[in-house]
Amino acid sequence: MELVYQAQDFTEAHIVAGMLRANGIEAHVAGHYLHGALGEVGTMNLAQVHVQKSDFIAARILIEEYNEE
């Protein structure tokens, strides 16, 4: 899977992943277990959204539209 979006937090990552899934793109939110291991310190850049390589361009287009709103 390819990293398609680096979210600010896990809530945003799940919103983006849900939007992608609603548009027919399988998406996975990564970083949950790392957050638990590190606690509240140093949790930046852990919430990531990944998609299949074949869906990367379509996902980026949808994410760009999401970011414009």
C-alpha atoms as a PDB file:
ATOM      1  CA  MET A   1       0.000   0.000   0.000  1.00  0.00           C
ATOM      2  CA  GLU A   2       1.043   3.582  -0.679  1.00  0.00           C
ATOM      3  CA  LEU A   3       0.962   6.536   1.707  1.00  0.00           C
ATOM      4  CA  VAL A   4      -1.578   8.902   0.178  1.00  0.00           C
ATOM      5  CA  TYR A   5      -2.295  11.297   3.055  1.00  0.00           C
ATOM      6  CA  GLN A   6      -0.547  12.407   6.243  1.00  0.00           C
ATOM      7  CA  ALA A   7      -3.252  13.541   8.654  1.00  0.00           C
ATOM      8  CA  GLN A   8      -2.851  15.859  11.623  1.00  0.00           C
ATOM      9  CA  ASP A   9      -4.609  13.353  13.891  1.00  0.00           C
ATOM     10  CA  PHE A  10      -6.459  10.041  13.773  1.00  0.00           C
ATOM     11  CA  THR A  11      -9.880  11.662  13.552  1.00  0.00           C
ATOM     12  CA  GLU A  12      -8.904  13.432  10.341  1.00  0.00           C
ATOM     13  CA  ALA A  13      -7.277  10.257   8.997  1.00  0.00           C
ATOM     14  CA  HIS A  14     -10.515   8.330   9.521  1.00  0.00           C
ATOM     15  CA  ILE A  15     -12.562  11.087   7.875  1.00  0.00           C
ATOM     16  CA  VAL A  16     -10.312  11.003   4.792  1.00  0.00           C
ATOM     17  CA  ALA A  17     -10.277   7.189   4.706  1.00  0.00           C
ATOM     18  CA  GLY A  18     -14.075   7.130   4.992  1.00  0.00           C
ATOM     19  CA  MET A  19     -14.398   9.609   2.139  1.00  0.00           C
ATOM     20  CA  LEU A  20     -12.134   7.455  -0.020  1.00  0.00           C
ATOM     21  CA  ARG A  21     -14.102   4.292   0.838  1.00  0.00           C
ATOM     22  CA  ALA A  22     -17.368   6.081   0.009  1.00  0.00           C
ATOM     23  CA  ASN A  23     -15.883   6.707  -3.434  1.00  0.00           C
ATOM     24  CA  GLY A  24     -14.915   3.076  -3.979  1.00  0.00           C
ATOM     25  CA  ILE A  25     -11.260   3.262  -2.907  1.00  0.00           C
ATOM     26  CA  GLU A  26     -10.061   0.828  -0.247  1.00  0.00           C
ATOM     27  CA  ALA A  27      -8.217   2.846   2.397  1.00  0.00           C
ATOM     28  CA  HIS A  28      -6.353   1.915   5.568  1.00  0.00           C
ATOM     29  CA  VAL A  29      -5.488   4.168   8.519  1.00  0.00           C
ATOM     30  CA  ALA A  30      -2.052   3.361   9.919  1.00  0.00           C
ATOM     31  CA  GLY A  31      -0.230   4.436  13.046  1.00  0.00           C
ATOM     32  CA  HIS A  32      -2.694   3.475  15.797  1.00  0.00           C
ATOM     33  CA  TYR A  33      -0.337   1.106  17.585  1.00  0.00           C
ATOM     34  CA  LEU A  34       2.563   3.533  17.412  1.00  0.00           C
ATOM     35  CA  HIS A  35       0.435   6.163  19.112  1.00  0.00           C
ATOM     36  CA  GLY A  36      -0.220   3.799  22.018  1.00  0.00           C
ATOM     37  CA  ALA A  37       3.434   2.913  22.333  1.00  0.00           C
ATOM     38  CA  LEU A  38       4.567   6.532  22.445  1.00  0.00           C
ATOM     39  CA  GLY A  39       1.735   7.957  24.517  1.00  0.00           C
ATOM     40  CA  GLU A  40       1.081  11.658  24.197  1.00  0.00           C
ATOM     41  CA  VAL A  41       4.708  12.615  23.526  1.00  0.00           C
ATOM     42  CA  GLY A  42       6.032  12.550  19.983  1.00  0.00           C
ATOM     43  CA  THR A  43       2.828  11.544  18.229  1.00  0.00           C
ATOM     44  CA  MET A  44       3.229  13.829  15.234  1.00  0.00           C
ATOM     45  CA  ASN A  45       3.031  12.287  11.756  1.00  0.00           C
ATOM     46  CA  LEU A  46       1.612   8.978  12.933  1.00  0.00           C
ATOM     47  CA  ALA A  47      -1.886   9.191  11.447  1.00  0.00           C
ATOM     48  CA  GLN A  48      -1.493   8.073   7.858  1.00  0.00           C
ATOM     49  CA  VAL A  49      -3.914   6.980   5.164  1.00  0.00           C
ATOM     50  CA  HIS A  50      -2.749   4.304   2.740  1.00  0.00           C
ATOM     51  CA  VAL A  51      -4.317   3.032  -0.495  1.00  0.00           C
ATOM     52  CA  GLN A  52      -3.438   0.477  -3.144  1.00  0.00           C
ATOM     53  CA  LYS A  53      -0.889   1.715  -5.650  1.00  0.00           C
ATOM     54  CA  SER A  54      -3.465   1.415  -8.446  1.00  0.00           C
ATOM     55  CA  ASP A  55      -5.814   3.804  -6.583  1.00  0.00           C
ATOM     56  CA  PHE A  56      -3.187   6.392  -5.668  1.00  0.00           C
ATOM     57  CA  ILE A  57      -3.959   8.999  -8.361  1.00  0.00           C
ATOM     58  CA  ALA A  58      -7.744   8.787  -7.917  1.00  0.00           C
ATOM     59  CA  ALA A  59      -7.284   9.074  -4.142  1.00  0.00           C
ATOM     60  CA  ARG A  60      -5.028  12.131  -4.480  1.00  0.00           C
ATOM     61  CA  ILE A  61      -7.636  13.853  -6.683  1.00  0.00           C
ATOM     62  CA  LEU A  62     -10.348  13.245  -4.066  1.00  0.00           C
ATOM     63  CA  ILE A  63      -8.061  14.414  -1.260  1.00  0.00           C
ATOM     64  CA  GLU A  64      -7.221  17.617  -3.159  1.00  0.00           C
ATOM     65  CA  GLU A  65     -10.952  18.306  -3.501  1.00  0.00           C
ATOM     66  CA  TYR A  66     -11.387  17.599   0.235  1.00  0.00           C
ATOM     67  CA  ASN A  67      -8.580  20.045   1.097  1.00  0.00           C
ATOM     68  CA  GLU A  68     -10.143  22.798  -1.037  1.00  0.00           C
ATOM     69  CA  GLU A  69     -13.360  22.769   0.996  1.00  0.00           C
END
